[in-house]
């Protein structure tokens, strides 16, 4: 069983930080900032070349994948981190669904897959 979550929950003044790979100069920073600032719901995007991070201020909920697509469209990448965990106490498919749903409620989790047959081994992808 696998569930995906793309919608970013947001308060009136939410902030998102995304790592960006592939930038080499101030022009790269400008391209990424311009692309992010065009995404609906973004108030302001500021990119730091030294830390390779985009600091994005939102006025409305934004699909995190739209932010990533904007970055990728101008030629840069947002890395995805994978985590593998062991979950104890699950006995059925309903347990698997509840664990996946709980993990997907965590901001930044892109996907979660739990395998009951392997004693609850859990695999999650985090949008950094």
Protein backbone atom coordinates (compact mmCIF):
# COMPACT_ATOMS: atom_id res chain seq x y z
CA UNK A 1 0.00 0.00 0.00
CA UNK A 2 1.37 3.45 -0.89
CA UNK A 3 -0.06 6.92 -0.39
CA UNK A 4 1.22 10.24 -1.78
CA UNK A 5 0.83 13.72 -0.33
CA UNK A 6 1.52 16.88 -2.29
CA UNK A 7 -0.56 19.61 -0.68
CA UNK A 8 1.39 21.84 1.68
CA UNK A 9 -0.62 22.86 4.71
CA UNK A 10 -0.26 26.53 5.39
CA UNK A 11 -1.16 29.24 7.86
CA UNK A 12 -1.66 32.84 6.76
CA UNK A 13 2.13 33.38 6.68
CA UNK A 14 3.74 30.01 6.00
CA UNK A 15 7.39 29.54 5.14
CA UNK A 16 9.01 26.74 3.20
CA UNK A 17 12.71 26.03 2.85
CA UNK A 18 13.92 23.88 -0.05
CA UNK A 19 17.46 22.75 -0.87
CA UNK A 20 18.54 23.36 -4.46
CA UNK A 21 21.34 21.61 -6.31
CA UNK A 22 23.17 22.80 -9.41
CA UNK A 23 23.44 26.56 -8.86
CA UNK A 24 26.87 28.05 -9.61
CA UNK A 25 26.43 31.84 -9.76
CA UNK A 26 24.24 34.85 -9.03
CA UNK A 27 22.44 34.39 -12.36
CA UNK A 28 21.37 30.91 -11.23
CA UNK A 29 19.99 32.42 -8.02
CA UNK A 30 18.05 35.01 -10.02
CA UNK A 31 16.53 32.36 -12.31
CA UNK A 32 15.38 30.23 -9.37
CA UNK A 33 13.95 33.23 -7.47
CA UNK A 34 12.08 34.43 -10.56
CA UNK A 35 10.63 30.97 -11.19
CA UNK A 36 9.49 30.54 -7.58
CA UNK A 37 7.99 34.03 -7.41
CA UNK A 38 5.75 33.13 -10.37
CA UNK A 39 4.11 30.23 -8.50
CA UNK A 40 0.62 31.16 -7.32
CA UNK A 41 0.54 31.61 -3.55
CA UNK A 42 4.19 32.64 -3.22
CA UNK A 43 4.68 36.05 -1.61
CA UNK A 44 8.46 36.12 -1.89
CA UNK A 45 11.27 33.69 -2.63
CA UNK A 46 14.85 34.31 -1.58
CA UNK A 47 17.66 31.97 -2.64
CA UNK A 48 21.08 31.72 -0.96
CA UNK A 49 23.84 30.44 -3.24
CA UNK A 50 26.22 29.61 -0.37
CA UNK A 51 23.74 27.46 1.57
CA UNK A 52 21.93 26.25 -1.58
CA UNK A 53 18.57 26.96 0.09
CA UNK A 54 15.42 28.70 -1.11
CA UNK A 55 13.42 30.48 1.61
CA UNK A 56 9.86 30.80 0.31
CA UNK A 57 7.13 32.87 2.00
CA UNK A 58 3.55 31.82 1.17
CA UNK A 59 0.22 33.62 1.42
CA UNK A 60 -1.88 30.54 0.59
CA UNK A 61 -1.52 26.77 0.54
CA UNK A 62 0.85 25.72 -2.22
CA UNK A 63 1.37 22.32 -3.76
CA UNK A 64 5.01 21.60 -2.88
CA UNK A 65 5.43 19.81 -6.20
CA UNK A 66 4.62 23.06 -8.03
CA UNK A 67 7.54 24.72 -6.25
CA UNK A 68 9.82 21.84 -7.17
CA UNK A 69 8.58 21.83 -10.77
CA UNK A 70 9.30 25.56 -11.03
CA UNK A 71 12.87 24.96 -9.85
CA UNK A 72 13.37 21.99 -12.17
CA UNK A 73 11.90 23.87 -15.15
CA UNK A 74 14.75 26.39 -14.97
CA UNK A 75 17.37 23.63 -14.78
CA UNK A 76 18.03 22.88 -11.10
CA UNK A 77 17.16 20.03 -8.73
CA UNK A 78 15.55 19.59 -5.31
CA UNK A 79 16.97 16.46 -3.67
CA UNK A 80 14.70 13.86 -2.07
CA UNK A 81 15.78 12.06 1.10
CA UNK A 82 14.71 8.50 1.82
CA UNK A 83 14.24 7.11 5.31
CA UNK A 84 13.73 3.50 6.34
CA UNK A 85 12.13 2.76 9.71
CA UNK A 86 10.92 -0.31 11.59
CA UNK A 87 7.38 -0.14 13.00
CA UNK A 88 6.23 -2.61 15.63
CA UNK A 89 2.72 -3.66 16.65
CA UNK A 90 0.95 -3.67 13.29
CA UNK A 91 -1.31 -6.68 12.70
CA UNK A 92 -3.35 -5.91 9.56
CA UNK A 93 -3.82 -3.78 6.44
CA UNK A 94 -5.76 -1.20 8.48
CA UNK A 95 -2.72 -0.72 10.70
CA UNK A 96 -0.58 -0.20 7.60
CA UNK A 97 -2.99 2.44 6.31
CA UNK A 98 -3.04 4.29 9.63
CA UNK A 99 0.76 4.37 9.87
CA UNK A 100 1.11 5.64 6.30
CA UNK A 101 -1.57 8.28 6.86
CA UNK A 102 0.13 9.48 10.07
CA UNK A 103 3.49 9.78 8.36
CA UNK A 104 2.01 11.65 5.42
CA UNK A 105 0.58 14.19 7.85
CA UNK A 106 4.17 15.27 8.56
CA UNK A 107 5.07 18.32 6.47
CA UNK A 108 7.47 17.45 3.69
CA UNK A 109 6.72 13.74 3.41
CA UNK A 110 6.15 12.94 -0.26
CA UNK A 111 5.40 9.23 -0.07
CA UNK A 112 5.18 6.45 2.50
CA UNK A 113 5.06 2.71 1.96
CA UNK A 114 4.68 0.15 4.75
CA UNK A 115 5.18 -3.57 4.24
CA UNK A 116 3.37 -5.64 6.85
CA UNK A 117 5.02 -8.87 5.66
CA UNK A 118 8.50 -7.51 6.50
CA UNK A 119 7.49 -6.74 10.09
CA UNK A 120 6.39 -3.21 9.40
CA UNK A 121 9.39 -1.97 7.49
CA UNK A 122 8.54 1.56 6.44
CA UNK A 123 10.00 3.56 3.57
CA UNK A 124 9.39 7.28 3.29
CA UNK A 125 10.56 9.97 0.88
CA UNK A 126 10.97 13.44 2.31
CA UNK A 127 10.97 16.55 0.23
CA UNK A 128 13.77 18.31 1.94
